[in-house]
C-alpha cells in the first residue's frame, strides 16, 4: 500500500493505493473531500472519518493476514470541493484516459452521517443490488428492533414502488461523484445516513457555523454508532467490488431503469416532443437492444459455475 499526494489548484489531493493481485489495472475508488464551508462537523468530516476507518480496517487486513484485493483499491481525499468540485474534477480531467480504461466503480462518502433517520443511497442502477445486499448485512444502530438491518430500516423509511424494497435514486451533482459519473462514465454510488427532511440532501446546520463536532456528538450521533455502521457498509461495498471474481454489476436493474426513464420521457414530455417534431424511435431501439444484451449477460453470469450468484 502507498499514499501519493498531488498538487492541484493550490490544494493537495491525497490518494492511498492498495495494488490488486489478479487485476491491478481495474480500479475501485472511494473518496471524499477535506475542505468545509466553516467547521465541517458533518460536511465533510463525517465522510472523512468513515473513509479513515475503512482504511484502518484495510490496513489490518494487509498487515495481519495474507489478504490482498483482487483489484486495485484507491482511497481519495479531495481538496477544493466547496469551490465547485475543483479537486476531483482536476484529477479526473488530468487522468481521464487512464480512468476510462481502469476505473470500474467510485464510492462517494461526502457528509456520510447527516442525520439519524435512515440510510439512503443514489447511484448507477447497475450497482443497486450491490448496495441492497451489503446494507442487509449491517445492523442498524437507530432501529428499535435490534436484529433489524440498515436495509430493513431503509426499506421502511424510504419505500420504493417495488414492495419491500427501498428507494435508490439516480445521481444529480453537487459532490465528487460528478466527474466520475457524468464526465467519464464510471459507475458511481453516493451514500449517507440522512436527516428526516423534505429535501433529503440537507440537514438543519448544513453549510452553517453550527456544523461542528459538538453538534454531531451532542445531537446527531452521540456514540458514533452510525459512523461505525456507515464504515461497515462502505468497507463491504468496497471489498465486494474489489474481490468478487466477476464484478457485481446487475444489468437487469440497469435495463429496467432505462426502460422506466424512457417511458417517463414519452408520457410526461409527449406534448413538448410533438411540438418540436422529435421522435424517440431511435432511443427506444437502442434501449431495446441494450435490454437484449443485458439478458444475455445475466444469463451467462448465472451459468458460470465458479462465480457467486449476484
Protein backbone atom coordinates (compact mmCIF):
# COMPACT_ATOMS: atom_id res chain seq x y z
CA UNK A 1 0.00 0.00 0.00
CA UNK A 2 1.21 3.52 -0.70
CA UNK A 3 -0.02 7.09 -0.44
CA UNK A 4 0.60 9.71 -3.10
CA UNK A 5 -0.01 13.44 -2.98
CA UNK A 6 -0.85 15.58 -5.98
CA UNK A 7 -0.85 19.39 -6.00
CA UNK A 8 -3.97 20.69 -7.76
CA UNK A 9 -5.28 24.27 -7.75
CA UNK A 10 -3.12 25.15 -4.73
CA UNK A 11 -4.79 22.36 -2.69
CA UNK A 12 -3.31 18.87 -2.42
CA UNK A 13 -5.05 15.62 -3.31
CA UNK A 14 -4.02 12.52 -1.38
CA UNK A 15 -4.61 9.05 -2.79
CA UNK A 16 -3.87 5.83 -0.92
CA UNK A 17 -3.43 2.78 -3.13
CA UNK A 18 -3.58 -0.95 -2.44
CA UNK A 19 -2.37 -2.70 -5.57
CA UNK A 20 -4.60 -5.53 -6.74
CA UNK A 21 -3.17 -9.03 -7.03
CA UNK A 22 -5.03 -10.51 -10.02
CA UNK A 23 -6.42 -7.41 -11.76
CA UNK A 24 -4.19 -4.47 -10.81
CA UNK A 25 -5.41 -2.45 -13.80
CA UNK A 26 -9.01 -2.45 -12.57
CA UNK A 27 -9.55 0.29 -10.02
CA UNK A 28 -12.19 0.51 -7.28
CA UNK A 29 -12.22 4.01 -5.79
CA UNK A 30 -13.64 5.52 -2.61
CA UNK A 31 -13.44 9.25 -1.97
CA UNK A 32 -14.43 12.37 -0.09
CA UNK A 33 -13.26 15.97 0.19
CA UNK A 34 -11.50 17.59 3.18
CA UNK A 35 -12.47 21.25 2.80
CA UNK A 36 -15.53 22.71 4.54
CA UNK A 37 -17.54 25.92 4.38
CA UNK A 38 -16.91 26.52 8.09
CA UNK A 39 -16.13 23.77 10.63
CA UNK A 40 -17.44 20.75 8.73
CA UNK A 41 -18.62 18.50 11.55
CA UNK A 42 -20.86 16.70 9.05
CA UNK A 43 -19.76 18.06 5.69
CA UNK A 44 -17.16 16.68 5.07
CA UNK A 45 -15.67 15.33 8.29
CA UNK A 46 -18.21 12.56 8.89
CA UNK A 47 -17.38 11.14 5.47
CA UNK A 48 -13.65 11.55 6.03
CA UNK A 49 -13.96 9.76 9.38
CA UNK A 50 -15.80 6.88 7.67
CA UNK A 51 -13.14 6.62 4.95
CA UNK A 52 -10.32 6.71 7.53
CA UNK A 53 -11.99 3.91 9.49
CA UNK A 54 -12.29 1.86 6.30
CA UNK A 55 -8.60 2.49 5.58
CA UNK A 56 -7.72 1.38 9.11
CA UNK A 57 -9.59 -1.88 8.60
CA UNK A 58 -7.94 -2.48 5.24
CA UNK A 59 -4.56 -1.83 6.86
CA UNK A 60 -5.22 -4.52 9.47
CA UNK A 61 -6.19 -6.96 6.73
CA UNK A 62 -2.95 -6.23 4.89
CA UNK A 63 -0.73 -6.42 7.96
CA UNK A 64 -2.32 -9.27 9.89
CA UNK A 65 -3.49 -11.64 7.15
CA UNK A 66 -2.34 -12.75 3.71
CA UNK A 67 -5.20 -10.81 2.07
CA UNK A 68 -4.62 -8.60 -0.92
CA UNK A 69 -7.50 -7.40 -3.10
CA UNK A 70 -8.14 -8.91 -6.49
CA UNK A 71 -8.48 -5.40 -7.98
CA UNK A 72 -6.66 -2.22 -7.01
CA UNK A 73 -8.28 -0.09 -4.29
CA UNK A 74 -7.79 3.69 -4.22
CA UNK A 75 -8.86 5.88 -1.29
CA UNK A 76 -9.05 9.51 -2.42
CA UNK A 77 -9.04 12.66 -0.29
CA UNK A 78 -10.01 15.65 -2.43
CA UNK A 79 -9.35 19.34 -1.97
CA UNK A 80 -11.47 22.32 -3.09
CA UNK A 81 -14.84 20.57 -3.34
CA UNK A 82 -16.68 23.57 -1.94
CA UNK A 83 -15.24 25.74 -4.71
CA UNK A 84 -17.06 23.76 -7.40
CA UNK A 85 -15.68 20.21 -7.17
CA UNK A 86 -12.32 21.56 -8.31
CA UNK A 87 -10.06 18.95 -6.71
CA UNK A 88 -11.80 15.84 -8.00
CA UNK A 89 -12.59 17.37 -11.41
CA UNK A 90 -9.00 18.45 -11.98
CA UNK A 91 -7.70 14.99 -11.09
CA UNK A 92 -10.29 13.22 -13.24
CA UNK A 93 -9.66 15.53 -16.20
CA UNK A 94 -5.90 15.06 -15.90
CA UNK A 95 -6.23 11.26 -15.74
CA UNK A 96 -9.37 10.79 -17.84
CA UNK A 97 -7.92 8.35 -20.38
CA UNK A 98 -6.41 6.15 -17.68
CA UNK A 99 -9.62 6.25 -15.63
CA UNK A 100 -11.79 5.36 -18.63
CA UNK A 101 -9.65 2.26 -19.11
CA UNK A 102 -9.22 1.23 -15.47
CA UNK A 103 -11.88 2.63 -13.10
CA UNK A 104 -14.82 0.27 -12.50
CA UNK A 105 -16.55 1.95 -9.54
CA UNK A 106 -16.44 5.13 -7.47
CA UNK A 107 -17.99 5.23 -3.97
CA UNK A 108 -18.61 8.72 -2.55
CA UNK A 109 -18.98 9.29 1.21
CA UNK A 110 -19.38 13.08 1.47
CA UNK A 111 -21.47 14.01 4.57
CA UNK A 112 -21.77 10.34 5.46
CA UNK A 113 -23.68 10.96 8.70
CA UNK A 114 -26.01 13.95 8.35
CA UNK A 115 -28.89 12.58 10.43
CA UNK A 116 -30.26 9.56 12.28
CA UNK A 117 -33.47 8.95 10.33
CA UNK A 118 -32.39 6.45 7.70
CA UNK A 119 -29.66 5.34 5.36
CA UNK A 120 -30.07 6.45 1.75
CA UNK A 121 -28.16 5.95 -1.48
CA UNK A 122 -28.17 7.10 -5.07
CA UNK A 123 -26.14 5.80 -7.94
CA UNK A 124 -25.84 3.89 -11.16
CA UNK A 125 -28.69 1.34 -11.42
CA UNK A 126 -26.23 -1.49 -12.14
CA UNK A 127 -24.89 -1.12 -8.57
CA UNK A 128 -28.26 -1.05 -6.81
CA UNK A 129 -28.34 -4.76 -5.95
CA UNK A 130 -24.79 -4.49 -4.53
CA UNK A 131 -25.88 -1.72 -2.14
CA UNK A 132 -29.04 -3.63 -1.21
CA UNK A 133 -27.06 -6.76 -0.38
CA UNK A 134 -24.38 -5.08 1.72
CA UNK A 135 -26.79 -2.90 3.72
CA UNK A 136 -28.77 -6.05 4.54
CA UNK A 137 -25.65 -7.43 6.28
CA UNK A 138 -25.15 -4.48 8.68
CA UNK A 139 -27.22 -3.89 11.84
CA UNK A 140 -28.92 -0.51 12.02
CA UNK A 141 -27.91 1.34 15.21
CA UNK A 142 -31.02 3.55 15.15
CA UNK A 143 -33.60 0.79 14.78
CA UNK A 144 -35.58 -0.31 17.85
CA UNK A 145 -35.63 -3.88 16.62
CA UNK A 146 -32.10 -4.92 17.48
CA UNK A 147 -31.92 -7.52 14.73
CA UNK A 148 -33.05 -5.11 12.01
CA UNK A 149 -30.56 -4.28 9.30
CA UNK A 150 -29.78 -0.96 7.65
CA UNK A 151 -31.63 -2.32 4.62
CA UNK A 152 -34.74 -3.07 6.72
CA UNK A 153 -34.94 0.46 8.09
CA UNK A 154 -34.14 1.98 4.70
CA UNK A 155 -37.00 -0.01 3.13
CA UNK A 156 -39.39 1.20 5.83
CA UNK A 157 -38.38 4.87 5.87
CA UNK A 158 -37.87 5.37 2.11
CA UNK A 159 -40.01 2.71 0.37
CA UNK A 160 -39.89 2.39 -3.40
CA UNK A 161 -42.61 1.39 -5.85
CA UNK A 162 -41.30 -2.19 -5.62
CA UNK A 163 -42.85 -3.76 -2.50
CA UNK A 164 -40.35 -4.32 0.31
CA UNK A 165 -37.50 -2.51 -1.43
CA UNK A 166 -36.06 0.95 -0.66
CA UNK A 167 -35.62 3.88 -3.00
CA UNK A 168 -32.34 4.00 -4.88
CA UNK A 169 -32.32 7.14 -6.99
CA UNK A 170 -30.10 8.44 -9.74
CA UNK A 171 -27.19 10.82 -9.30
CA UNK A 172 -27.50 14.55 -9.72
CA UNK A 173 -24.48 16.70 -8.96
CA UNK A 174 -23.03 18.65 -6.05
CA UNK A 175 -20.36 16.26 -4.84
CA UNK A 176 -17.24 14.48 -6.02
CA UNK A 177 -19.04 11.64 -7.78
CA UNK A 178 -20.00 14.08 -10.56
CA UNK A 179 -16.74 13.98 -12.59
CA UNK A 180 -16.61 10.18 -12.36
CA UNK A 181 -20.25 9.55 -13.23
CA UNK A 182 -21.03 12.39 -15.64
CA UNK A 183 -17.67 13.22 -17.24
CA UNK A 184 -16.08 9.81 -17.86
CA UNK A 185 -18.96 7.40 -17.23
CA UNK A 186 -17.67 5.46 -14.22
CA UNK A 187 -20.47 3.71 -12.31
CA UNK A 188 -20.79 5.57 -9.01
CA UNK A 189 -22.59 5.49 -5.65
CA UNK A 190 -23.29 8.32 -3.21
CA UNK A 191 -24.41 7.18 0.22
CA UNK A 192 -25.21 8.82 3.56
CA UNK A 193 -27.26 8.39 6.71
CA UNK A 194 -29.90 11.09 6.43
CA UNK A 195 -31.96 13.59 8.36
CA UNK A 196 -35.77 13.41 8.14
CA UNK A 197 -36.43 16.23 5.72
CA UNK A 198 -38.40 17.05 2.60
CA UNK A 199 -35.03 17.60 0.97
CA UNK A 200 -33.04 14.54 1.93
CA UNK A 201 -29.72 16.01 0.86
CA UNK A 202 -29.86 18.69 3.59
CA UNK A 203 -29.83 18.79 7.40
CA UNK A 204 -30.51 21.65 9.89
CA UNK A 205 -26.96 23.01 10.20
CA UNK A 206 -25.91 22.46 6.58
CA UNK A 207 -23.19 24.90 5.48
CA UNK A 208 -23.51 26.98 8.66
CA UNK A 209 -21.25 27.90 11.56
CA UNK A 210 -23.14 25.30 13.65
CA UNK A 211 -21.92 22.32 11.58
CA UNK A 212 -19.45 21.26 14.27
CA UNK A 213 -18.16 18.23 16.13
CA UNK A 214 -20.28 19.42 19.08
CA UNK A 215 -23.50 19.23 17.02
CA UNK A 216 -22.54 15.80 15.69
CA UNK A 217 -21.74 14.36 19.13
CA UNK A 218 -24.50 16.10 21.10
CA UNK A 219 -27.49 15.82 18.78
CA UNK A 220 -26.82 13.51 15.86
CA UNK A 221 -24.62 10.53 16.72
CA UNK A 222 -23.56 10.71 20.41
CA UNK A 223 -21.86 7.31 20.47
CA UNK A 224 -20.75 7.35 16.82
CA UNK A 225 -22.56 4.09 16.17
CA UNK A 226 -23.99 5.44 12.92
CA UNK A 227 -20.48 6.36 11.81
CA UNK A 228 -19.45 2.78 12.54
CA UNK A 229 -22.36 1.36 10.55
CA UNK A 230 -21.52 3.60 7.59
CA UNK A 231 -17.90 2.44 7.78
CA UNK A 232 -19.04 -1.18 7.75
CA UNK A 233 -21.28 -0.58 4.72
CA UNK A 234 -18.55 1.29 2.87
CA UNK A 235 -16.00 -1.42 3.59
CA UNK A 236 -18.35 -4.19 2.50
CA UNK A 237 -19.18 -2.43 -0.78
CA UNK A 238 -15.51 -1.71 -1.42
CA UNK A 239 -14.40 -5.29 -0.70
CA UNK A 240 -17.21 -6.81 -2.76
CA UNK A 241 -16.23 -4.62 -5.71
CA UNK A 242 -12.54 -5.34 -5.26
CA UNK A 243 -12.62 -9.07 -4.56
CA UNK A 244 -15.58 -10.68 -6.37
CA UNK A 245 -14.28 -12.69 -9.35
CA UNK A 246 -16.96 -11.20 -11.60
CA UNK A 247 -17.58 -7.53 -10.87
CA UNK A 248 -21.04 -7.19 -9.25
CA UNK A 249 -22.87 -5.22 -11.92
CA UNK A 250 -26.56 -6.11 -12.29
CA UNK A 251 -27.59 -5.20 -15.82
CA UNK A 252 -31.19 -6.26 -15.25
CA UNK A 253 -31.59 -3.31 -12.87
CA UNK A 254 -29.95 -1.06 -15.46
CA UNK A 255 -32.31 -2.34 -18.18
CA UNK A 256 -35.37 -1.69 -16.01
CA UNK A 257 -34.19 1.84 -15.14
CA UNK A 258 -33.56 2.72 -18.78
CA UNK A 259 -36.99 1.46 -19.84
CA UNK A 260 -38.73 3.30 -16.98
CA UNK A 261 -36.96 6.58 -17.81
CA UNK A 262 -37.82 6.19 -21.49
CA UNK A 263 -41.49 5.63 -20.60
CA UNK A 264 -41.43 8.75 -18.40
CA UNK A 265 -39.90 10.79 -21.19
CA UNK A 266 -42.55 9.59 -23.64
CA UNK A 267 -45.52 10.21 -21.33
CA UNK A 268 -44.60 13.30 -19.33
CA UNK A 269 -42.98 15.23 -22.18
CA UNK A 270 -45.07 13.95 -25.08
CA UNK A 271 -46.57 17.34 -25.98
CA UNK A 272 -43.18 19.08 -26.00
CA UNK A 273 -41.71 16.34 -28.17
CA UNK A 274 -44.57 16.64 -30.66
CA UNK A 275 -44.20 20.42 -30.84
CA UNK A 276 -40.55 20.04 -31.74
CA UNK A 277 -41.26 17.19 -34.16
CA UNK A 278 -38.92 14.99 -32.12
CA UNK A 279 -39.13 11.21 -32.28
CA UNK A 280 -37.87 8.81 -29.65
CA UNK A 281 -37.86 5.84 -32.02
CA UNK A 282 -34.09 5.71 -32.26
CA UNK A 283 -33.66 5.94 -28.50
CA UNK A 284 -36.30 3.25 -27.96
CA UNK A 285 -34.49 0.98 -30.42
CA UNK A 286 -31.18 1.39 -28.55
CA UNK A 287 -32.85 0.72 -25.20
CA UNK A 288 -34.40 -2.45 -26.62
CA UNK A 289 -31.02 -3.54 -27.98
CA UNK A 290 -29.36 -2.92 -24.62
CA UNK A 291 -32.10 -4.92 -22.90
CA UNK A 292 -31.37 -7.94 -25.10
CA UNK A 293 -27.65 -7.68 -24.39
CA UNK A 294 -28.32 -7.33 -20.65
CA UNK A 295 -30.42 -10.51 -20.66
CA UNK A 296 -27.66 -12.45 -22.40
CA UNK A 297 -25.06 -11.12 -19.97
CA UNK A 298 -27.12 -12.01 -16.90
CA UNK A 299 -27.82 -15.50 -18.26
CA UNK A 300 -24.13 -16.14 -18.85
CA UNK A 301 -23.35 -14.84 -15.37
CA UNK A 302 -25.93 -17.18 -13.85
CA UNK A 303 -24.46 -20.13 -15.74
CA UNK A 304 -20.90 -19.50 -14.57
CA UNK A 305 -20.44 -22.27 -12.02
CA UNK A 306 -17.35 -20.74 -10.40
CA UNK A 307 -18.94 -17.31 -9.86
CA UNK A 308 -21.11 -16.34 -6.91
CA UNK A 309 -24.77 -15.59 -7.52
CA UNK A 310 -25.26 -11.81 -7.56
